[in-house]
Amino acid sequence: MIVAEVRTVLSSRKQATPDQIAADLGTGRDLVREALRFWVDRGNVRRIFGEESGGACSTRCGGCPLSGACSVGGESQKEVEFYEWISSERRVTH
């Protein structure tokens, strides 16, 4: 059931941290991470760290879905882990 709930939240938000999803669902971060792993393995979700965001994280807050989750321009920005729901049109199949 948590797998479907995580799908619903992340597909609605488009991008979120495990903490944001856990807060939305009123559950623990570790349980959310397990569900996210399921979706990553299926190719529906992409895991991204702040330093890999390709410019989404910068030196100022751009009002992205992660606002409040990182220290913009700070060292902790690189450690921010977030997930992106990938629509079926953008999904890469192996």
PDB file of N, CA and C in Angstrom:
ATOM      1  N   MET A   1       0.818  -1.189   0.000  1.00  0.00           N
ATOM      2  CA  MET A   1       0.000   0.000   0.000  1.00  0.00           C
ATOM      3  C   MET A   1       0.867   1.261   0.000  1.00  0.00           C
ATOM      4  N   ILE A   2       1.959   1.258   0.762  1.00  0.00           N
ATOM      5  CA  ILE A   2       2.834   2.431   0.813  1.00  0.00           C
ATOM      6  C   ILE A   2       3.441   2.718  -0.551  1.00  0.00           C
ATOM      7  N   VAL A   3       3.675   1.687  -1.344  1.00  0.00           N
ATOM      8  CA  VAL A   3       4.252   1.879  -2.679  1.00  0.00           C
ATOM      9  C   VAL A   3       3.307   2.718  -3.537  1.00  0.00           C
ATOM     10  N   ALA A   4       2.032   2.402  -3.509  1.00  0.00           N
ATOM     11  CA  ALA A   4       1.042   3.161  -4.290  1.00  0.00           C
ATOM     12  C   ALA A   4       0.887   4.583  -3.746  1.00  0.00           C
ATOM     13  N   GLU A   5       0.944   4.736  -2.440  1.00  0.00           N
ATOM     14  CA  GLU A   5       0.815   6.067  -1.847  1.00  0.00           C
ATOM     15  C   GLU A   5       2.002   6.950  -2.212  1.00  0.00           C
ATOM     16  N   VAL A   6       3.195   6.371  -2.198  1.00  0.00           N
ATOM     17  CA  VAL A   6       4.389   7.123  -2.587  1.00  0.00           C
ATOM     18  C   VAL A   6       4.279   7.531  -4.056  1.00  0.00           C
ATOM     19  N   ARG A   7       3.808   6.629  -4.907  1.00  0.00           N
ATOM     20  CA  ARG A   7       3.603   6.959  -6.325  1.00  0.00           C
ATOM     21  C   ARG A   7       2.658   8.144  -6.468  1.00  0.00           C
ATOM     22  N   THR A   8       1.565   8.124  -5.746  1.00  0.00           N
ATOM     23  CA  THR A   8       0.575   9.192  -5.837  1.00  0.00           C
ATOM     24  C   THR A   8       1.175  10.533  -5.424  1.00  0.00           C
ATOM     25  N   VAL A   9       1.873  10.549  -4.302  1.00  0.00           N
ATOM     26  CA  VAL A   9       2.466  11.798  -3.810  1.00  0.00           C
ATOM     27  C   VAL A   9       3.538  12.305  -4.762  1.00  0.00           C
ATOM     28  N   LEU A  10       4.467  11.430  -5.162  1.00  0.00           N
ATOM     29  CA  LEU A  10       5.580  11.889  -6.004  1.00  0.00           C
ATOM     30  C   LEU A  10       5.118  12.263  -7.404  1.00  0.00           C
ATOM     31  N   SER A  11       4.194  11.532  -7.969  1.00  0.00           N
ATOM     32  CA  SER A  11       3.723  11.901  -9.314  1.00  0.00           C
ATOM     33  C   SER A  11       2.974  13.228  -9.272  1.00  0.00           C
ATOM     34  N   SER A  12       2.357  13.538  -8.157  1.00  0.00           N
ATOM     35  CA  SER A  12       1.669  14.825  -8.006  1.00  0.00           C
ATOM     36  C   SER A  12       2.669  15.971  -7.801  1.00  0.00           C
ATOM     37  N   ARG A  13       3.663  15.734  -6.959  1.00  0.00           N
ATOM     38  CA  ARG A  13       4.661  16.769  -6.661  1.00  0.00           C
ATOM     39  C   ARG A  13       5.689  16.930  -7.779  1.00  0.00           C
ATOM     40  N   LYS A  14       5.935  15.899  -8.541  1.00  0.00           N
ATOM     41  CA  LYS A  14       6.963  15.812  -9.596  1.00  0.00           C
ATOM     42  C   LYS A  14       8.348  15.569  -9.022  1.00  0.00           C
ATOM     43  N   GLN A  15       8.752  16.312  -7.982  1.00  0.00           N
ATOM     44  CA  GLN A  15      10.036  16.112  -7.312  1.00  0.00           C
ATOM     45  C   GLN A  15       9.816  16.289  -5.813  1.00  0.00           C
ATOM     46  N   ALA A  16      10.523  15.470  -5.022  1.00  0.00           N
ATOM     47  CA  ALA A  16      10.408  15.602  -3.567  1.00  0.00           C
ATOM     48  C   ALA A  16      11.538  14.843  -2.893  1.00  0.00           C
ATOM     49  N   THR A  17      11.815  15.231  -1.658  1.00  0.00           N
ATOM     50  CA  THR A  17      12.762  14.500  -0.827  1.00  0.00           C
ATOM     51  C   THR A  17      11.994  13.399  -0.099  1.00  0.00           C
ATOM     52  N   PRO A  18      12.699  12.385   0.392  1.00  0.00           N
ATOM     53  CA  PRO A  18      12.022  11.361   1.190  1.00  0.00           C
ATOM     54  C   PRO A  18      11.320  11.952   2.407  1.00  0.00           C
ATOM     55  N   ASP A  19      11.918  12.965   3.016  1.00  0.00           N
ATOM     56  CA  ASP A  19      11.292  13.606   4.178  1.00  0.00           C
ATOM     57  C   ASP A  19       9.980  14.291   3.809  1.00  0.00           C
ATOM     58  N   GLN A  20       9.945  14.941   2.648  1.00  0.00           N
ATOM     59  CA  GLN A  20       8.712  15.602   2.219  1.00  0.00           C
ATOM     60  C   GLN A  20       7.600  14.582   1.973  1.00  0.00           C
ATOM     61  N   ILE A  21       7.946  13.476   1.332  1.00  0.00           N
ATOM     62  CA  ILE A  21       6.947  12.437   1.066  1.00  0.00           C
ATOM     63  C   ILE A  21       6.482  11.814   2.372  1.00  0.00           C
ATOM     64  N   ALA A  22       7.428  11.533   3.274  1.00  0.00           N
ATOM     65  CA  ALA A  22       7.073  10.948   4.571  1.00  0.00           C
ATOM     66  C   ALA A  22       6.136  11.867   5.346  1.00  0.00           C
ATOM     67  N   ALA A  23       6.400  13.165   5.303  1.00  0.00           N
ATOM     68  CA  ALA A  23       5.532  14.124   6.000  1.00  0.00           C
ATOM     69  C   ALA A  23       4.132  14.133   5.386  1.00  0.00           C
ATOM     70  N   ASP A  24       4.059  14.100   4.070  1.00  0.00           N
ATOM     71  CA  ASP A  24       2.757  14.073   3.391  1.00  0.00           C
ATOM     72  C   ASP A  24       1.954  12.838   3.771  1.00  0.00           C
ATOM     73  N   LEU A  25       2.641  11.714   3.948  1.00  0.00           N
ATOM     74  CA  LEU A  25       1.966  10.452   4.232  1.00  0.00           C
ATOM     75  C   LEU A  25       1.866  10.138   5.722  1.00  0.00           C
ATOM     76  N   GLY A  26       2.567  10.918   6.544  1.00  0.00           N
ATOM     77  CA  GLY A  26       2.549  10.660   7.978  1.00  0.00           C
ATOM     78  C   GLY A  26       3.213   9.344   8.339  1.00  0.00           C
ATOM     79  N   THR A  27       4.302   9.044   7.655  1.00  0.00           N
ATOM     80  CA  THR A  27       5.021   7.788   7.887  1.00  0.00           C
ATOM     81  C   THR A  27       6.515   8.059   7.994  1.00  0.00           C
ATOM     82  N   GLY A  28       7.307   7.030   8.176  1.00  0.00           N
ATOM     83  CA  GLY A  28       8.748   7.181   8.348  1.00  0.00           C
ATOM     84  C   GLY A  28       9.515   7.268   7.040  1.00  0.00           C
ATOM     85  N   ARG A  29      10.640   7.943   7.100  1.00  0.00           N
ATOM     86  CA  ARG A  29      11.503   8.136   5.934  1.00  0.00           C
ATOM     87  C   ARG A  29      12.033   6.813   5.383  1.00  0.00           C
ATOM     88  N   ASP A  30      12.388   5.879   6.275  1.00  0.00           N
ATOM     89  CA  ASP A  30      12.949   4.602   5.808  1.00  0.00           C
ATOM     90  C   ASP A  30      11.925   3.807   5.000  1.00  0.00           C
ATOM     91  N   LEU A  31      10.678   3.823   5.425  1.00  0.00           N
ATOM     92  CA  LEU A  31       9.623   3.137   4.687  1.00  0.00           C
ATOM     93  C   LEU A  31       9.421   3.778   3.314  1.00  0.00           C
ATOM     94  N   VAL A  32       9.469   5.093   3.274  1.00  0.00           N
ATOM     95  CA  VAL A  32       9.344   5.823   2.006  1.00  0.00           C
ATOM     96  C   VAL A  32      10.509   5.482   1.088  1.00  0.00           C
ATOM     97  N   ARG A  33      11.717   5.416   1.627  1.00  0.00           N
ATOM     98  CA  ARG A  33      12.891   5.086   0.807  1.00  0.00           C
ATOM     99  C   ARG A  33      12.763   3.698   0.183  1.00  0.00           C
ATOM    100  N   GLU A  34      12.227   2.737   0.934  1.00  0.00           N
ATOM    101  CA  GLU A  34      12.016   1.392   0.392  1.00  0.00           C
ATOM    102  C   GLU A  34      11.050   1.443  -0.792  1.00  0.00           C
ATOM    103  N   ALA A  35       9.968   2.183  -0.655  1.00  0.00           N
ATOM    104  CA  ALA A  35       8.999   2.313  -1.742  1.00  0.00           C
ATOM    105  C   ALA A  35       9.628   3.029  -2.940  1.00  0.00           C
ATOM    106  N   LEU A  36      10.435   4.045  -2.671  1.00  0.00           N
ATOM    107  CA  LEU A  36      11.109   4.765  -3.759  1.00  0.00           C
ATOM    108  C   LEU A  36      12.065   3.843  -4.505  1.00  0.00           C
ATOM    109  N   ARG A  37      12.763   2.970  -3.769  1.00  0.00           N
ATOM    110  CA  ARG A  37      13.663   2.004  -4.409  1.00  0.00           C
ATOM    111  C   ARG A  37      12.905   1.129  -5.403  1.00  0.00           C
ATOM    112  N   PHE A  38      11.707   0.719  -4.999  1.00  0.00           N
ATOM    113  CA  PHE A  38      10.858  -0.084  -5.891  1.00  0.00           C
ATOM    114  C   PHE A  38      10.608   0.663  -7.199  1.00  0.00           C
ATOM    115  N   TRP A  39      10.226   1.936  -7.099  1.00  0.00           N
ATOM    116  CA  TRP A  39       9.919   2.723  -8.298  1.00  0.00           C
ATOM    117  C   TRP A  39      11.164   3.040  -9.118  1.00  0.00           C
ATOM    118  N   VAL A  40      12.305   3.242  -8.448  1.00  0.00           N
ATOM    119  CA  VAL A  40      13.571   3.457  -9.173  1.00  0.00           C
ATOM    120  C   VAL A  40      13.903   2.209  -9.979  1.00  0.00           C
ATOM    121  N   ASP A  41      13.791   1.043  -9.346  1.00  0.00           N
ATOM    122  CA  ASP A  41      14.083  -0.221 -10.034  1.00  0.00           C
ATOM    123  C   ASP A  41      13.174  -0.448 -11.232  1.00  0.00           C
ATOM    124  N   ARG A  42      11.939   0.025 -11.170  1.00  0.00           N
ATOM    125  CA  ARG A  42      10.994  -0.119 -12.276  1.00  0.00           C
ATOM    126  C   ARG A  42      11.203   0.927 -13.365  1.00  0.00           C
ATOM    127  N   GLY A  43      11.999   1.947 -13.071  1.00  0.00           N
ATOM    128  CA  GLY A  43      12.275   2.981 -14.069  1.00  0.00           C
ATOM    129  C   GLY A  43      11.304   4.142 -14.051  1.00  0.00           C
ATOM    130  N   ASN A  44      10.454   4.218 -13.025  1.00  0.00           N
ATOM    131  CA  ASN A  44       9.486   5.307 -12.941  1.00  0.00           C
ATOM    132  C   ASN A  44      10.003   6.526 -12.186  1.00  0.00           C
ATOM    133  N   VAL A  45      11.072   6.329 -11.419  1.00  0.00           N
ATOM    134  CA  VAL A  45      11.596   7.383 -10.556  1.00  0.00           C
ATOM    135  C   VAL A  45      13.096   7.488 -10.748  1.00  0.00           C
ATOM    136  N   ARG A  46      13.577   8.716 -10.715  1.00  0.00           N
ATOM    137  CA  ARG A  46      15.012   8.979 -10.814  1.00  0.00           C
ATOM    138  C   ARG A  46      15.481   9.582  -9.494  1.00  0.00           C
ATOM    139  N   ARG A  47      16.561   9.050  -8.951  1.00  0.00           N
ATOM    140  CA  ARG A  47      17.157   9.560  -7.722  1.00  0.00           C
ATOM    141  C   ARG A  47      18.229  10.572  -8.085  1.00  0.00           C
ATOM    142  N   ILE A  48      18.197  11.740  -7.442  1.00  0.00           N
ATOM    143  CA  ILE A  48      19.115  12.826  -7.763  1.00  0.00           C
ATOM    144  C   ILE A  48      19.663  13.410  -6.462  1.00  0.00           C
ATOM    145  N   PHE A  49      20.933  13.756  -6.465  1.00  0.00           N
ATOM    146  CA  PHE A  49      21.521  14.485  -5.356  1.00  0.00           C
ATOM    147  C   PHE A  49      21.685  15.933  -5.789  1.00  0.00           C
ATOM    148  N   GLY A  50      21.670  16.854  -4.848  1.00  0.00           N
ATOM    149  CA  GLY A  50      21.750  18.283  -5.141  1.00  0.00           C
ATOM    150  C   GLY A  50      22.846  18.649  -6.113  1.00  0.00           C
ATOM    151  N   GLU A  51      24.008  18.041  -5.950  1.00  0.00           N
ATOM    152  CA  GLU A  51      25.136  18.376  -6.821  1.00  0.00           C
ATOM    153  C   GLU A  51      24.956  17.829  -8.233  1.00  0.00           C
ATOM    154  N   GLU A  52      24.026  16.893  -8.421  1.00  0.00           N
ATOM    155  CA  GLU A  52      23.780  16.290  -9.735  1.00  0.00           C
ATOM    156  C   GLU A  52      22.566  16.894 -10.431  1.00  0.00           C
ATOM    157  N   SER A  53      22.027  17.939  -9.880  1.00  0.00           N
ATOM    158  CA  SER A  53      20.745  18.446 -10.360  1.00  0.00           C
ATOM    159  C   SER A  53      20.820  19.180 -11.688  1.00  0.00           C
ATOM    160  N   GLY A  54      22.008  19.353 -12.227  1.00  0.00           N
ATOM    161  CA  GLY A  54      22.149  19.993 -13.529  1.00  0.00           C
ATOM    162  C   GLY A  54      21.692  21.434 -13.534  1.00  0.00           C
ATOM    163  N   GLY A  55      21.948  22.140 -12.447  1.00  0.00           N
ATOM    164  CA  GLY A  55      21.588  23.546 -12.387  1.00  0.00           C
ATOM    165  C   GLY A  55      20.315  23.817 -11.621  1.00  0.00           C
ATOM    166  N   ALA A  56      19.572  22.776 -11.268  1.00  0.00           N
ATOM    167  CA  ALA A  56      18.348  22.998 -10.492  1.00  0.00           C
ATOM    168  C   ALA A  56      18.697  23.594  -9.136  1.00  0.00           C
ATOM    169  N   CYS A  57      19.829  23.175  -8.580  1.00  0.00           N
ATOM    170  CA  CYS A  57      20.329  23.772  -7.346  1.00  0.00           C
ATOM    171  C   CYS A  57      21.377  24.794  -7.743  1.00  0.00           C
ATOM    172  N   SER A  58      21.266  25.973  -7.192  1.00  0.00           N
ATOM    173  CA  SER A  58      22.194  27.029  -7.584  1.00  0.00           C
ATOM    174  C   SER A  58      22.596  27.827  -6.355  1.00  0.00           C
ATOM    175  N   THR A  59      22.995  29.035  -6.578  1.00  0.00           N
ATOM    176  CA  THR A  59      23.440  29.878  -5.476  1.00  0.00           C
ATOM    177  C   THR A  59      22.297  30.663  -4.848  1.00  0.00           C
ATOM    178  N   ARG A  60      21.117  30.539  -5.392  1.00  0.00           N
ATOM    179  CA  ARG A  60      19.957  31.212  -4.789  1.00  0.00           C
ATOM    180  C   ARG A  60      18.740  30.311  -4.946  1.00  0.00           C
ATOM    181  N   CYS A  61      17.776  30.535  -4.103  1.00  0.00           N
ATOM    182  CA  CYS A  61      16.567  29.722  -4.163  1.00  0.00           C
ATOM    183  C   CYS A  61      15.738  30.122  -5.371  1.00  0.00           C
ATOM    184  N   GLY A  62      15.427  29.143  -6.181  1.00  0.00           N
ATOM    185  CA  GLY A  62      14.605  29.393  -7.360  1.00  0.00           C
ATOM    186  C   GLY A  62      13.171  28.953  -7.162  1.00  0.00           C
ATOM    187  N   GLY A  63      12.796  28.673  -5.919  1.00  0.00           N
ATOM    188  CA  GLY A  63      11.438  28.255  -5.639  1.00  0.00           C
ATOM    189  C   GLY A  63      11.116  26.859  -6.132  1.00  0.00           C
ATOM    190  N   CYS A  64      12.118  26.008  -6.195  1.00  0.00           N
ATOM    191  CA  CYS A  64      11.896  24.645  -6.675  1.00  0.00           C
ATOM    192  C   CYS A  64      11.113  23.846  -5.632  1.00  0.00           C
ATOM    193  N   PRO A  65      10.694  22.645  -5.978  1.00  0.00           N
ATOM    194  CA  PRO A  65       9.938  21.835  -5.025  1.00  0.00           C
ATOM    195  C   PRO A  65      10.722  21.456  -3.772  1.00  0.00           C
ATOM    196  N   LEU A  66      12.020  21.727  -3.773  1.00  0.00           N
ATOM    197  CA  LEU A  66      12.844  21.376  -2.633  1.00  0.00           C
ATOM    198  C   LEU A  66      13.084  22.538  -1.694  1.00  0.00           C
ATOM    199  N   SER A  67      12.413  23.669  -1.921  1.00  0.00           N
ATOM    200  CA  SER A  67      12.641  24.818  -1.056  1.00  0.00           C
ATOM    201  C   SER A  67      12.412  24.412   0.387  1.00  0.00           C
ATOM    202  N   GLY A  68      13.322  24.799   1.223  1.00  0.00           N
ATOM    203  CA  GLY A  68      13.264  24.435   2.629  1.00  0.00           C
ATOM    204  C   GLY A  68      13.988  23.137   2.934  1.00  0.00           C
ATOM    205  N   ALA A  69      14.398  22.404   1.917  1.00  0.00           N
ATOM    206  CA  ALA A  69      15.063  21.124   2.136  1.00  0.00           C
ATOM    207  C   ALA A  69      16.574  21.235   2.030  1.00  0.00           C
ATOM    208  N   CYS A  70      17.069  22.349   1.536  1.00  0.00           N
ATOM    209  CA  CYS A  70      18.517  22.474   1.376  1.00  0.00           C
ATOM    210  C   CYS A  70      18.983  23.826   1.872  1.00  0.00           C
ATOM    211  N   SER A  71      20.276  23.946   1.933  1.00  0.00           N
ATOM    212  CA  SER A  71      20.912  25.210   2.267  1.00  0.00           C
ATOM    213  C   SER A  71      21.501  25.718   0.958  1.00  0.00           C
ATOM    214  N   VAL A  72      20.787  26.570   0.280  1.00  0.00           N
ATOM    215  CA  VAL A  72      21.171  27.010  -1.053  1.00  0.00           C
ATOM    216  C   VAL A  72      22.587  27.550  -1.050  1.00  0.00           C
ATOM    217  N   GLY A  73      23.394  26.961  -1.935  1.00  0.00           N
ATOM    218  CA  GLY A  73      24.776  27.381  -2.075  1.00  0.00           C
ATOM    219  C   GLY A  73      25.690  26.841  -0.989  1.00  0.00           C
ATOM    220  N   GLY A  74      25.138  26.176  -0.004  1.00  0.00           N
ATOM    221  CA  GLY A  74      25.928  25.657   1.104  1.00  0.00           C
ATOM    222  C   GLY A  74      26.397  24.236   0.858  1.00  0.00           C
ATOM    223  N   GLU A  75      27.192  23.754   1.764  1.00  0.00           N
ATOM    224  CA  GLU A  75      27.740  22.410   1.660  1.00  0.00           C
ATOM    225  C   GLU A  75      26.632  21.372   1.721  1.00  0.00           C
ATOM    226  N   SER A  76      25.598  21.612   2.528  1.00  0.00           N
ATOM    227  CA  SER A  76      24.529  20.620   2.657  1.00  0.00           C
ATOM    228  C   SER A  76      23.708  20.478   1.381  1.00  0.00           C
ATOM    229  N   GLN A  77      23.776  21.469   0.506  1.00  0.00           N
ATOM    230  CA  GLN A  77      23.055  21.393  -0.768  1.00  0.00           C
ATOM    231  C   GLN A  77      23.495  20.165  -1.552  1.00  0.00           C
ATOM    232  N   LYS A  78      24.780  19.845  -1.504  1.00  0.00           N
ATOM    233  CA  LYS A  78      25.311  18.706  -2.239  1.00  0.00           C
ATOM    234  C   LYS A  78      24.763  17.388  -1.699  1.00  0.00           C
ATOM    235  N   GLU A  79      24.368  17.384  -0.435  1.00  0.00           N
ATOM    236  CA  GLU A  79      23.902  16.175   0.209  1.00  0.00           C
ATOM    237  C   GLU A  79      22.402  15.969   0.080  1.00  0.00           C
ATOM    238  N   VAL A  80      21.694  16.942  -0.457  1.00  0.00           N
ATOM    239  CA  VAL A  80      20.251  16.822  -0.589  1.00  0.00           C
ATOM    240  C   VAL A  80      19.926  15.713  -1.575  1.00  0.00           C
ATOM    241  N   GLU A  81      19.117  14.787  -1.129  1.00  0.00           N
ATOM    242  CA  GLU A  81      18.688  13.663  -1.957  1.00  0.00           C
ATOM    243  C   GLU A  81      17.229  13.909  -2.314  1.00  0.00           C
ATOM    244  N   PHE A  82      16.931  13.892  -3.603  1.00  0.00           N
ATOM    245  CA  PHE A  82      15.535  14.016  -3.977  1.00  0.00           C
ATOM    246  C   PHE A  82      15.217  13.075  -5.114  1.00  0.00           C
ATOM    247  N   TYR A  83      13.960  12.894  -5.332  1.00  0.00           N
ATOM    248  CA  TYR A  83      13.481  11.940  -6.326  1.00  0.00           C
ATOM    249  C   TYR A  83      12.550  12.650  -7.293  1.00  0.00           C
ATOM    250  N   GLU A  84      12.590  12.220  -8.530  1.00  0.00           N
ATOM    251  CA  GLU A  84      11.759  12.810  -9.575  1.00  0.00           C
ATOM    252  C   GLU A  84      10.919  11.715 -10.212  1.00  0.00           C
ATOM    253  N   TRP A  85       9.625  11.970 -10.338  1.00  0.00           N
ATOM    254  CA  TRP A  85       8.739  11.037 -11.031  1.00  0.00           C
ATOM    255  C   TRP A  85       8.968  11.227 -12.524  1.00  0.00           C
ATOM    256  N   ILE A  86       9.167  10.137 -13.237  1.00  0.00           N
ATOM    257  CA  ILE A  86       9.423  10.188 -14.673  1.00  0.00           C
ATOM    258  C   ILE A  86       8.168   9.691 -15.380  1.00  0.00           C
ATOM    259  N   SER A  87       7.615  10.526 -16.219  1.00  0.00           N
ATOM    260  CA  SER A  87       6.430  10.125 -16.969  1.00  0.00           C
ATOM    261  C   SER A  87       6.784   9.002 -17.931  1.00  0.00           C
ATOM    262  N   SER A  88       5.803   8.262 -18.345  1.00  0.00           N
ATOM    263  CA  SER A  88       6.052   7.118 -19.230  1.00  0.00           C
ATOM    264  C   SER A  88       6.696   7.534 -20.541  1.00  0.00           C
ATOM    265  N   GLU A  89       6.467   8.768 -20.992  1.00  0.00           N
ATOM    266  CA  GLU A  89       7.061   9.245 -22.247  1.00  0.00           C
ATOM    267  C   GLU A  89       8.566   9.468 -22.098  1.00  0.00           C
ATOM    268  N   ARG A  90       9.017   9.822 -20.896  1.00  0.00           N
ATOM    269  CA  ARG A  90      10.436  10.130 -20.679  1.00  0.00           C
ATOM    270  C   ARG A  90      11.200   8.935 -20.137  1.00  0.00           C
ATOM    271  N   ARG A  91      10.506   7.887 -19.777  1.00  0.00           N
ATOM    272  CA  ARG A  91      11.142   6.746 -19.121  1.00  0.00           C
ATOM    273  C   ARG A  91      12.099   6.037 -20.046  1.00  0.00           C
ATOM    274  N   VAL A  92      13.253   5.668 -19.493  1.00  0.00           N
ATOM    275  CA  VAL A  92      14.271   4.941 -20.240  1.00  0.00           C
ATOM    276  C   VAL A  92      14.099   3.467 -19.937  1.00  0.00           C
ATOM    277  N   THR A  93      13.972   2.669 -20.974  1.00  0.00           N
ATOM    278  CA  THR A  93      13.869   1.223 -20.768  1.00  0.00           C
ATOM    279  C   THR A  93      15.203   0.574 -21.099  1.00  0.00           C
ATOM    280  N   HIS A  94      15.542  -0.435 -20.366  1.00  0.00           N
ATOM    281  CA  HIS A  94      16.833  -1.105 -20.549  1.00  0.00           C
ATOM    282  C   HIS A  94      16.702  -2.308 -21.404  1.00  0.00           C
TER     283      HIS A  94
END
